[in-house]
Amino acid sequence: MKTLPLTLSALLFLAACQQPAADESAATPEAAADATASYNAAQKAYAAANDKMHAGMGTINADADIAFMQGMIPHHMGAVDMAKVALEHGKDPEVRALAQKVIAAQEAEIKDMQAWLDKKGVAAEKPLTAADHAAMGH
């Protein structure tokens, strides 16, 4: 029983040290647009690739194998899109060479995953709509 007051004190201390909740207005599309307003062209292209990738991941299938394939296709497509941004905006020869390798490897894997889904008679996942994202708090 002597540990109860100590435990409660520790919990209260930890609770007091927590970061305050983020302002909910920062989660609005307008706030997100404001946050990216100062981005340069490369940053904007990376952000667009990221948004496209996440939208493409859609809902998660109950079958773990199908969910993996459906989720990895847009994930790999996102990597291809990012690599293309690196080729368009980047200057470092090592980064550009790696970006070209990423494109080749990811596109080959996308074909393999799509072929697996086709063989199983399963479609690639449908992208989420803006309403879906809003409902999930994105």
N, C-alpha and C. Protein backbone atom coordinates (compact mmCIF):
# COMPACT_ATOMS: atom_id res chain seq x y z
N MET A 1 0.81 -1.20 0.00
CA MET A 1 0.00 0.00 0.00
C MET A 1 0.86 1.26 0.00
N LYS A 2 2.10 1.14 0.47
CA LYS A 2 2.98 2.30 0.50
C LYS A 2 3.39 2.72 -0.92
N THR A 3 3.33 1.79 -1.86
CA THR A 3 3.75 2.13 -3.21
C THR A 3 2.68 2.87 -3.99
N LEU A 4 1.43 2.80 -3.54
CA LEU A 4 0.35 3.47 -4.26
C LEU A 4 0.56 4.99 -4.33
N PRO A 5 0.85 5.66 -3.24
CA PRO A 5 1.08 7.10 -3.34
C PRO A 5 2.28 7.45 -4.24
N LEU A 6 3.31 6.64 -4.17
CA LEU A 6 4.48 6.88 -5.00
C LEU A 6 4.14 6.68 -6.48
N THR A 7 3.37 5.64 -6.78
CA THR A 7 2.96 5.36 -8.16
C THR A 7 2.08 6.49 -8.69
N LEU A 8 1.12 6.93 -7.87
CA LEU A 8 0.25 8.03 -8.28
C LEU A 8 1.05 9.31 -8.51
N SER A 9 2.00 9.57 -7.65
CA SER A 9 2.85 10.76 -7.81
C SER A 9 3.63 10.69 -9.11
N ALA A 10 4.18 9.52 -9.41
CA ALA A 10 4.95 9.36 -10.63
C ALA A 10 4.06 9.56 -11.86
N LEU A 11 2.85 9.02 -11.82
CA LEU A 11 1.93 9.18 -12.94
C LEU A 11 1.54 10.64 -13.13
N LEU A 12 1.27 11.34 -12.04
CA LEU A 12 0.93 12.75 -12.14
C LEU A 12 2.10 13.57 -12.69
N PHE A 13 3.31 13.21 -12.25
CA PHE A 13 4.50 13.90 -12.74
C PHE A 13 4.66 13.68 -14.24
N LEU A 14 4.52 12.43 -14.69
CA LEU A 14 4.65 12.12 -16.11
C LEU A 14 3.57 12.83 -16.93
N ALA A 15 2.36 12.87 -16.41
CA ALA A 15 1.28 13.54 -17.11
C ALA A 15 1.56 15.04 -17.25
N ALA A 16 2.13 15.61 -16.23
CA ALA A 16 2.45 17.04 -16.26
C ALA A 16 3.56 17.35 -17.26
N CYS A 17 4.42 16.37 -17.52
CA CYS A 17 5.53 16.58 -18.45
C CYS A 17 5.16 16.36 -19.90
N GLN A 18 3.99 15.85 -20.17
CA GLN A 18 3.57 15.57 -21.54
C GLN A 18 3.45 16.87 -22.33
N GLN A 19 3.71 16.74 -23.66
CA GLN A 19 3.55 17.87 -24.56
C GLN A 19 2.07 18.23 -24.63
N PRO A 20 1.72 19.49 -24.70
CA PRO A 20 0.32 19.84 -24.86
C PRO A 20 -0.19 19.33 -26.20
N ALA A 21 -1.48 19.07 -26.28
CA ALA A 21 -2.08 18.60 -27.52
C ALA A 21 -1.87 19.63 -28.61
N ALA A 22 -1.60 19.13 -29.81
CA ALA A 22 -1.39 20.03 -30.95
C ALA A 22 -2.68 20.78 -31.24
N ASP A 23 -2.52 22.01 -31.69
CA ASP A 23 -3.66 22.81 -32.07
C ASP A 23 -4.37 22.12 -33.23
N GLU A 24 -5.65 21.84 -33.07
CA GLU A 24 -6.38 21.10 -34.09
C GLU A 24 -6.47 21.86 -35.40
N SER A 25 -6.32 23.17 -35.38
CA SER A 25 -6.38 23.91 -36.62
C SER A 25 -5.21 23.57 -37.53
N ALA A 26 -4.11 23.05 -36.96
CA ALA A 26 -2.96 22.69 -37.77
C ALA A 26 -3.24 21.46 -38.62
N ALA A 27 -4.28 20.71 -38.29
CA ALA A 27 -4.60 19.51 -39.04
C ALA A 27 -5.51 19.78 -40.23
N THR A 28 -5.91 21.01 -40.43
CA THR A 28 -6.82 21.34 -41.52
C THR A 28 -6.05 21.39 -42.84
N PRO A 29 -6.73 21.18 -43.96
CA PRO A 29 -6.06 21.29 -45.25
C PRO A 29 -5.47 22.67 -45.48
N GLU A 30 -6.14 23.71 -44.96
CA GLU A 30 -5.63 25.07 -45.12
C GLU A 30 -4.29 25.23 -44.40
N ALA A 31 -4.20 24.67 -43.20
CA ALA A 31 -2.95 24.76 -42.45
C ALA A 31 -1.85 23.99 -43.15
N ALA A 32 -2.19 22.84 -43.72
CA ALA A 32 -1.20 22.06 -44.45
C ALA A 32 -0.71 22.84 -45.67
N ALA A 33 -1.63 23.50 -46.36
CA ALA A 33 -1.25 24.31 -47.52
C ALA A 33 -0.35 25.46 -47.10
N ASP A 34 -0.65 26.07 -45.97
CA ASP A 34 0.19 27.16 -45.46
C ASP A 34 1.59 26.65 -45.13
N ALA A 35 1.66 25.43 -44.59
CA ALA A 35 2.94 24.87 -44.19
C ALA A 35 3.83 24.61 -45.40
N THR A 36 3.24 24.29 -46.54
CA THR A 36 4.02 24.00 -47.74
C THR A 36 4.16 25.19 -48.67
N ALA A 37 3.57 26.31 -48.33
CA ALA A 37 3.60 27.49 -49.20
C ALA A 37 5.02 27.96 -49.49
N SER A 38 5.92 27.80 -48.54
CA SER A 38 7.29 28.27 -48.74
C SER A 38 8.20 27.20 -49.34
N TYR A 39 7.66 26.04 -49.67
CA TYR A 39 8.47 24.97 -50.25
C TYR A 39 9.02 25.37 -51.61
N ASN A 40 10.22 24.88 -51.92
CA ASN A 40 10.75 25.07 -53.26
C ASN A 40 10.15 23.98 -54.16
N ALA A 41 10.50 23.98 -55.44
CA ALA A 41 9.90 23.05 -56.40
C ALA A 41 10.16 21.59 -56.03
N ALA A 42 11.36 21.28 -55.58
CA ALA A 42 11.68 19.89 -55.20
C ALA A 42 10.85 19.46 -53.99
N GLN A 43 10.75 20.32 -52.98
CA GLN A 43 9.96 19.99 -51.80
C GLN A 43 8.49 19.77 -52.16
N LYS A 44 7.98 20.62 -53.02
CA LYS A 44 6.59 20.46 -53.46
C LYS A 44 6.40 19.15 -54.20
N ALA A 45 7.35 18.78 -55.04
CA ALA A 45 7.25 17.53 -55.78
C ALA A 45 7.33 16.33 -54.84
N TYR A 46 8.21 16.38 -53.84
CA TYR A 46 8.30 15.29 -52.86
C TYR A 46 7.00 15.19 -52.06
N ALA A 47 6.45 16.33 -51.66
CA ALA A 47 5.19 16.33 -50.89
C ALA A 47 4.06 15.75 -51.73
N ALA A 48 4.01 16.10 -53.01
CA ALA A 48 2.97 15.56 -53.89
C ALA A 48 3.13 14.05 -54.04
N ALA A 49 4.36 13.58 -54.19
CA ALA A 49 4.61 12.13 -54.30
C ALA A 49 4.17 11.42 -53.03
N ASN A 50 4.46 12.01 -51.89
CA ASN A 50 4.08 11.43 -50.61
C ASN A 50 2.56 11.35 -50.47
N ASP A 51 1.88 12.44 -50.82
CA ASP A 51 0.42 12.46 -50.73
C ASP A 51 -0.20 11.42 -51.66
N LYS A 52 0.33 11.34 -52.88
CA LYS A 52 -0.18 10.38 -53.87
C LYS A 52 0.03 8.95 -53.35
N MET A 53 1.20 8.68 -52.79
CA MET A 53 1.49 7.34 -52.26
C MET A 53 0.51 6.96 -51.17
N HIS A 54 0.32 7.84 -50.20
CA HIS A 54 -0.56 7.53 -49.09
C HIS A 54 -2.01 7.38 -49.53
N ALA A 55 -2.43 8.19 -50.48
CA ALA A 55 -3.79 8.07 -51.00
C ALA A 55 -3.97 6.72 -51.69
N GLY A 56 -2.93 6.24 -52.34
CA GLY A 56 -3.01 4.98 -53.06
C GLY A 56 -3.02 3.76 -52.17
N MET A 57 -2.69 3.93 -50.91
CA MET A 57 -2.61 2.77 -50.03
C MET A 57 -4.00 2.30 -49.58
N GLY A 58 -5.01 3.15 -49.69
CA GLY A 58 -6.39 2.74 -49.45
C GLY A 58 -6.63 2.00 -48.15
N THR A 59 -7.63 1.17 -48.17
CA THR A 59 -7.98 0.40 -46.99
C THR A 59 -7.12 -0.86 -46.94
N ILE A 60 -7.03 -1.45 -45.77
CA ILE A 60 -6.18 -2.62 -45.57
C ILE A 60 -7.03 -3.89 -45.63
N ASN A 61 -6.68 -4.78 -46.55
CA ASN A 61 -7.38 -6.04 -46.73
C ASN A 61 -7.18 -6.92 -45.50
N ALA A 62 -8.17 -7.74 -45.18
CA ALA A 62 -8.09 -8.65 -44.03
C ALA A 62 -7.05 -9.74 -44.25
N ASP A 63 -6.78 -10.11 -45.49
CA ASP A 63 -5.78 -11.13 -45.81
C ASP A 63 -4.40 -10.46 -45.81
N ALA A 64 -3.50 -10.93 -44.97
CA ALA A 64 -2.19 -10.29 -44.81
C ALA A 64 -1.39 -10.28 -46.10
N ASP A 65 -1.48 -11.34 -46.88
CA ASP A 65 -0.72 -11.41 -48.13
C ASP A 65 -1.25 -10.39 -49.15
N ILE A 66 -2.56 -10.34 -49.28
CA ILE A 66 -3.17 -9.38 -50.20
C ILE A 66 -2.90 -7.95 -49.73
N ALA A 67 -3.05 -7.71 -48.43
CA ALA A 67 -2.79 -6.38 -47.89
C ALA A 67 -1.36 -5.93 -48.18
N PHE A 68 -0.42 -6.85 -48.04
CA PHE A 68 0.98 -6.53 -48.32
C PHE A 68 1.15 -6.10 -49.77
N MET A 69 0.64 -6.91 -50.68
CA MET A 69 0.80 -6.60 -52.10
C MET A 69 0.08 -5.30 -52.47
N GLN A 70 -1.15 -5.13 -51.98
CA GLN A 70 -1.91 -3.92 -52.31
C GLN A 70 -1.27 -2.67 -51.72
N GLY A 71 -0.69 -2.79 -50.56
CA GLY A 71 -0.05 -1.62 -49.94
C GLY A 71 1.31 -1.32 -50.51
N MET A 72 2.03 -2.37 -50.90
CA MET A 72 3.39 -2.15 -51.41
C MET A 72 3.42 -1.56 -52.81
N ILE A 73 2.39 -1.82 -53.61
CA ILE A 73 2.39 -1.25 -54.97
C ILE A 73 2.43 0.28 -54.92
N PRO A 74 1.50 0.93 -54.21
CA PRO A 74 1.61 2.40 -54.16
C PRO A 74 2.84 2.87 -53.40
N HIS A 75 3.30 2.08 -52.44
CA HIS A 75 4.53 2.42 -51.72
C HIS A 75 5.70 2.45 -52.70
N HIS A 76 5.82 1.42 -53.53
CA HIS A 76 6.88 1.38 -54.53
C HIS A 76 6.70 2.48 -55.58
N MET A 77 5.44 2.74 -55.95
CA MET A 77 5.19 3.82 -56.91
C MET A 77 5.64 5.15 -56.31
N GLY A 78 5.46 5.31 -55.01
CA GLY A 78 5.93 6.52 -54.33
C GLY A 78 7.44 6.63 -54.41
N ALA A 79 8.13 5.50 -54.25
CA ALA A 79 9.59 5.50 -54.36
C ALA A 79 10.02 5.90 -55.77
N VAL A 80 9.31 5.39 -56.77
CA VAL A 80 9.61 5.75 -58.16
C VAL A 80 9.40 7.25 -58.37
N ASP A 81 8.28 7.75 -57.88
CA ASP A 81 8.00 9.19 -58.02
C ASP A 81 9.07 10.04 -57.33
N MET A 82 9.49 9.61 -56.13
CA MET A 82 10.54 10.35 -55.41
C MET A 82 11.86 10.30 -56.17
N ALA A 83 12.17 9.14 -56.74
CA ALA A 83 13.41 9.02 -57.50
C ALA A 83 13.38 9.93 -58.73
N LYS A 84 12.22 10.05 -59.33
CA LYS A 84 12.08 10.95 -60.49
C LYS A 84 12.29 12.40 -60.07
N VAL A 85 11.83 12.75 -58.88
CA VAL A 85 12.07 14.10 -58.36
C VAL A 85 13.57 14.31 -58.18
N ALA A 86 14.24 13.31 -57.63
CA ALA A 86 15.69 13.41 -57.44
C ALA A 86 16.40 13.60 -58.78
N LEU A 87 15.95 12.90 -59.80
CA LEU A 87 16.56 13.05 -61.13
C LEU A 87 16.29 14.43 -61.72
N GLU A 88 15.10 14.94 -61.46
CA GLU A 88 14.73 16.25 -62.01
C GLU A 88 15.43 17.39 -61.29
N HIS A 89 15.54 17.30 -59.97
CA HIS A 89 16.03 18.43 -59.19
C HIS A 89 17.42 18.22 -58.57
N GLY A 90 17.83 16.98 -58.43
CA GLY A 90 19.11 16.69 -57.77
C GLY A 90 20.30 16.90 -58.68
N LYS A 91 21.44 17.08 -58.06
CA LYS A 91 22.67 17.32 -58.81
C LYS A 91 23.76 16.31 -58.50
N ASP A 92 23.71 15.69 -57.34
CA ASP A 92 24.76 14.77 -56.93
C ASP A 92 24.73 13.51 -57.80
N PRO A 93 25.84 13.17 -58.46
CA PRO A 93 25.87 12.00 -59.35
C PRO A 93 25.54 10.69 -58.64
N GLU A 94 25.96 10.55 -57.37
CA GLU A 94 25.66 9.32 -56.63
C GLU A 94 24.16 9.19 -56.37
N VAL A 95 23.53 10.30 -56.01
CA VAL A 95 22.09 10.29 -55.75
C VAL A 95 21.35 9.99 -57.05
N ARG A 96 21.76 10.59 -58.13
CA ARG A 96 21.10 10.39 -59.42
C ARG A 96 21.24 8.92 -59.87
N ALA A 97 22.43 8.34 -59.67
CA ALA A 97 22.64 6.94 -60.05
C ALA A 97 21.76 6.02 -59.19
N LEU A 98 21.69 6.31 -57.91
CA LEU A 98 20.84 5.49 -57.03
C LEU A 98 19.38 5.66 -57.39
N ALA A 99 18.97 6.87 -57.73
CA ALA A 99 17.58 7.11 -58.13
C ALA A 99 17.23 6.27 -59.36
N GLN A 100 18.15 6.18 -60.31
CA GLN A 100 17.90 5.36 -61.50
C GLN A 100 17.78 3.88 -61.12
N LYS A 101 18.61 3.41 -60.19
CA LYS A 101 18.52 2.03 -59.73
C LYS A 101 17.19 1.77 -59.01
N VAL A 102 16.77 2.75 -58.21
CA VAL A 102 15.50 2.62 -57.48
C VAL A 102 14.35 2.48 -58.47
N ILE A 103 14.35 3.31 -59.49
CA ILE A 103 13.27 3.25 -60.49
C ILE A 103 13.22 1.86 -61.13
N ALA A 104 14.36 1.36 -61.57
CA ALA A 104 14.40 0.05 -62.24
C ALA A 104 13.94 -1.06 -61.29
N ALA A 105 14.45 -1.06 -60.08
CA ALA A 105 14.11 -2.13 -59.13
C ALA A 105 12.65 -2.07 -58.70
N GLN A 106 12.18 -0.86 -58.38
CA GLN A 106 10.81 -0.73 -57.88
C GLN A 106 9.79 -1.05 -58.99
N GLU A 107 10.07 -0.62 -60.22
CA GLU A 107 9.14 -0.91 -61.31
C GLU A 107 9.06 -2.41 -61.57
N ALA A 108 10.20 -3.11 -61.46
CA ALA A 108 10.19 -4.57 -61.63
C ALA A 108 9.37 -5.24 -60.53
N GLU A 109 9.53 -4.77 -59.31
CA GLU A 109 8.78 -5.36 -58.19
C GLU A 109 7.29 -5.04 -58.30
N ILE A 110 6.96 -3.85 -58.77
CA ILE A 110 5.54 -3.50 -58.97
C ILE A 110 4.91 -4.48 -59.95
N LYS A 111 5.62 -4.78 -61.04
CA LYS A 111 5.09 -5.75 -62.02
C LYS A 111 4.88 -7.12 -61.37
N ASP A 112 5.84 -7.55 -60.55
CA ASP A 112 5.71 -8.85 -59.87
C ASP A 112 4.51 -8.86 -58.93
N MET A 113 4.34 -7.80 -58.17
CA MET A 113 3.22 -7.73 -57.22
C MET A 113 1.88 -7.68 -57.95
N GLN A 114 1.83 -6.90 -59.03
CA GLN A 114 0.59 -6.81 -59.79
C GLN A 114 0.26 -8.16 -60.42
N ALA A 115 1.28 -8.87 -60.90
CA ALA A 115 1.06 -10.20 -61.49
C ALA A 115 0.53 -11.16 -60.43
N TRP A 116 1.05 -11.08 -59.20
CA TRP A 116 0.56 -11.94 -58.12
C TRP A 116 -0.90 -11.65 -57.83
N LEU A 117 -1.25 -10.36 -57.74
CA LEU A 117 -2.65 -9.99 -57.50
C LEU A 117 -3.54 -10.45 -58.64
N ASP A 118 -3.06 -10.29 -59.87
CA ASP A 118 -3.84 -10.73 -61.04
C ASP A 118 -4.07 -12.24 -60.98
N LYS A 119 -3.04 -12.99 -60.62
CA LYS A 119 -3.14 -14.45 -60.52
C LYS A 119 -4.17 -14.86 -59.47
N LYS A 120 -4.26 -14.07 -58.41
CA LYS A 120 -5.22 -14.35 -57.33
C LYS A 120 -6.61 -13.78 -57.64
N GLY A 121 -6.72 -13.02 -58.73
CA GLY A 121 -8.00 -12.42 -59.08
C GLY A 121 -8.37 -11.26 -58.18
N VAL A 122 -7.36 -10.58 -57.66
CA VAL A 122 -7.57 -9.46 -56.73
C VAL A 122 -7.08 -8.18 -57.39
N ALA A 123 -7.85 -7.13 -57.27
CA ALA A 123 -7.46 -5.84 -57.84
C ALA A 123 -6.49 -5.13 -56.90
N ALA A 124 -5.69 -4.27 -57.49
CA ALA A 124 -4.86 -3.38 -56.67
C ALA A 124 -5.82 -2.50 -55.87
N GLU A 125 -5.38 -2.03 -54.73
CA GLU A 125 -6.26 -1.26 -53.84
C GLU A 125 -6.67 0.06 -54.47
N LYS A 126 -7.94 0.39 -54.27
CA LYS A 126 -8.49 1.66 -54.75
C LYS A 126 -7.99 2.79 -53.85
N PRO A 127 -7.53 3.89 -54.43
CA PRO A 127 -7.07 5.01 -53.61
C PRO A 127 -8.19 5.57 -52.73
N LEU A 128 -7.79 6.07 -51.58
CA LEU A 128 -8.74 6.73 -50.70
C LEU A 128 -9.14 8.07 -51.29
N THR A 129 -10.36 8.49 -51.02
CA THR A 129 -10.82 9.81 -51.45
C THR A 129 -10.44 10.83 -50.39
N ALA A 130 -10.62 12.10 -50.71
CA ALA A 130 -10.36 13.16 -49.74
C ALA A 130 -11.26 12.99 -48.53
N ALA A 131 -12.50 12.54 -48.75
CA ALA A 131 -13.43 12.32 -47.64
C ALA A 131 -12.94 11.20 -46.73
N ASP A 132 -12.36 10.15 -47.33
CA ASP A 132 -11.79 9.05 -46.54
C ASP A 132 -10.67 9.57 -45.64
N HIS A 133 -9.80 10.39 -46.23
CA HIS A 133 -8.68 10.95 -45.45
C HIS A 133 -9.20 11.83 -44.31
N ALA A 134 -10.19 12.64 -44.60
CA ALA A 134 -10.74 13.54 -43.59
C ALA A 134 -11.35 12.72 -42.44
N ALA A 135 -12.02 11.62 -42.78
CA ALA A 135 -12.63 10.78 -41.76
C ALA A 135 -11.57 10.13 -40.87
N MET A 136 -10.37 9.93 -41.42
CA MET A 136 -9.29 9.32 -40.64
C MET A 136 -8.46 10.38 -39.91
N GLY A 137 -8.83 11.64 -40.06
CA GLY A 137 -8.12 12.70 -39.35
C GLY A 137 -6.86 13.17 -40.05
N HIS A 138 -6.73 12.91 -41.33
CA HIS A 138 -5.53 13.35 -42.07
C HIS A 138 -5.75 14.69 -42.71
